[in-house]
Protein backbone atom coordinates (compact mmCIF):
# COMPACT_ATOMS: atom_id res chain seq x y z
CA GLN A 1 -0.03 -0.02 0.05
CA VAL A 2 1.05 3.31 -0.83
CA GLN A 3 -0.36 7.22 0.74
CA LEU A 4 -0.41 9.88 -1.39
CA VAL A 5 -1.10 13.41 0.89
CA GLU A 6 -1.21 16.24 -1.54
CA SER A 7 -0.82 19.64 0.46
CA GLY A 8 -0.37 23.54 -1.29
CA GLY A 9 -3.41 24.17 -3.03
CA GLY A 10 -5.17 27.44 -2.26
CA LEU A 11 -6.94 30.36 -3.56
CA VAL A 12 -4.65 33.16 -5.86
CA GLN A 13 -5.40 35.79 -7.81
CA ALA A 14 -4.57 35.37 -12.24
CA GLY A 15 -1.04 35.79 -12.73
CA GLY A 16 -0.43 34.57 -9.45
CA SER A 17 1.90 31.07 -8.19
CA LEU A 18 1.25 27.97 -5.87
CA ARG A 19 3.41 25.21 -5.49
CA LEU A 20 1.40 21.83 -4.88
CA SER A 21 3.59 19.09 -3.22
CA CYS A 22 2.96 14.92 -2.85
CA THR A 23 4.79 13.04 0.21
CA ALA A 24 4.84 9.87 -0.55
CA SER A 25 4.15 6.39 2.49
CA GLY A 26 4.07 2.81 2.42
CA HIS A 27 5.40 0.57 0.13
CA THR A 28 7.83 3.80 -1.25
CA PHE A 29 10.60 0.95 -2.72
CA ASN A 30 10.01 0.33 -6.46
CA ARG A 31 8.05 3.54 -8.23
CA TYR A 32 7.89 3.86 -12.20
CA ALA A 33 6.26 7.59 -12.73
CA MET A 34 4.29 9.92 -10.50
CA ALA A 35 1.95 12.51 -12.27
CA TRP A 36 -0.48 15.26 -11.21
CA PHE A 37 -3.99 15.02 -12.76
CA ARG A 38 -7.34 17.54 -12.26
CA GLN A 39 -10.49 17.98 -12.23
CA ALA A 40 -12.55 20.82 -12.52
CA PRO A 41 -16.61 20.46 -11.35
CA GLY A 42 -18.47 18.75 -14.41
CA LYS A 43 -15.22 17.61 -16.45
CA GLU A 44 -12.70 14.37 -16.81
CA ARG A 45 -9.99 14.04 -14.89
CA GLU A 46 -6.99 14.96 -17.09
CA PHE A 47 -3.70 14.86 -17.11
CA VAL A 48 -1.16 17.55 -16.20
CA ALA A 49 1.95 16.47 -16.06
CA ALA A 50 4.07 13.41 -14.99
CA ILE A 51 7.91 12.60 -13.89
CA ILE A 52 9.51 9.59 -14.42
CA TRP A 53 11.33 8.58 -10.94
CA THR A 54 14.28 7.08 -12.20
CA GLY A 55 16.34 9.56 -14.89
CA GLY A 56 13.40 12.55 -14.31
CA ALA A 57 12.07 12.64 -17.71
CA THR A 58 9.16 14.75 -17.89
CA TYR A 59 5.62 15.35 -19.76
CA TYR A 60 3.10 18.26 -19.79
CA LEU A 61 -0.36 18.72 -21.04
CA ASP A 62 -0.51 21.77 -23.72
CA SER A 63 -1.56 24.42 -22.57
CA VAL A 64 0.62 24.21 -19.19
CA LYS A 65 3.87 24.10 -20.91
CA GLY A 66 5.98 26.76 -20.21
CA ARG A 67 3.58 27.83 -16.48
CA PHE A 68 4.11 24.32 -14.52
CA THR A 69 6.99 22.58 -13.69
CA ILE A 70 7.27 19.25 -11.79
CA SER A 71 9.74 18.15 -9.69
CA ARG A 72 11.29 15.51 -7.12
CA ASP A 73 12.78 14.85 -4.64
CA ALA A 74 13.69 11.26 -4.09
CA ALA A 75 15.24 11.67 -0.09
CA LYS A 76 11.93 12.64 0.91
CA ASN A 77 9.65 10.38 -1.80
CA THR A 78 7.95 13.96 -2.98
CA VAL A 79 6.88 15.42 -5.75
CA TYR A 80 6.24 18.84 -6.58
CA LEU A 81 4.23 21.25 -9.01
CA GLN A 82 5.25 24.57 -9.20
CA MET A 83 2.50 26.87 -11.41
CA ASN A 84 2.55 30.28 -12.89
CA SER A 85 0.70 32.63 -14.43
CA LEU A 86 -2.27 30.85 -13.49
CA ASN A 87 -5.71 31.57 -15.00
CA ALA A 88 -9.08 30.65 -14.34
CA GLU A 89 -8.79 27.32 -16.44
CA ASP A 90 -6.51 26.02 -14.11
CA THR A 91 -9.37 25.74 -11.56
CA ALA A 92 -9.50 22.36 -10.47
CA GLU A 93 -9.39 19.43 -7.42
CA TYR A 94 -5.62 18.37 -7.82
CA TYR A 95 -5.04 15.08 -7.68
CA CYS A 96 -1.29 13.50 -7.33
CA ALA A 97 -0.72 9.41 -8.28
CA THR A 98 1.87 6.99 -8.72
CA ALA A 99 2.26 4.07 -10.63
CA LEU A 100 4.45 1.75 -9.15
CA ALA A 101 5.86 0.40 -12.53
CA TYR A 102 5.84 0.17 -16.25
CA ARG A 103 2.96 -1.75 -17.93
CA GLY A 104 3.38 -0.53 -21.40
CA SER A 105 0.51 1.85 -20.82
CA SER A 106 1.59 5.99 -21.58
CA VAL A 107 2.02 8.36 -18.40
CA LEU A 108 -0.20 10.76 -19.57
CA THR A 109 -3.15 8.08 -18.96
CA LEU A 110 -5.23 7.76 -15.96
CA ARG A 111 -5.21 4.04 -16.00
CA THR A 112 -1.06 3.88 -15.57
CA TYR A 113 -1.69 5.18 -12.03
CA ASP A 114 -1.48 2.52 -9.33
CA TYR A 115 -2.46 4.78 -5.85
CA TRP A 116 -4.01 8.43 -6.00
CA GLY A 117 -4.42 11.30 -2.91
CA GLN A 118 -7.07 12.79 -2.09
CA GLY A 119 -6.72 15.89 -3.74
CA THR A 120 -6.24 19.95 -3.30
CA GLN A 121 -7.66 22.45 -4.75
CA VAL A 122 -6.47 24.89 -6.77
CA THR A 123 -8.93 28.31 -7.38
CA VAL A 124 -7.77 30.72 -9.57
CA SER A 125 -9.83 34.66 -8.99
CA SER A 126 -10.03 36.19 -12.03
């Protein structure tokens, strides 16, 4: 079992920044990737960013490229999402997820991930 705890969400004005954190505990020895997804009211959960734990390759949703940065601290079992130049379209519940092993599916898809956090709300006021 793996537990993921997100923090760092909140209310911010358009153009502002937030940094989300997600710390993993429990069975953290094996890990393939960690990612952030988001879900706005009435919409499906969508991929935002992912990082391959070994090597650090990163992947982003097109609309956040150049504004968001995903990073990890292996010693702390923590992944971060630095979000800059936020706009109203970024308003959503943000979820952290982890995949324990590579099974052939893309890091952009929900089914790749084995465990999910409870989410942290990000609200951007315009």
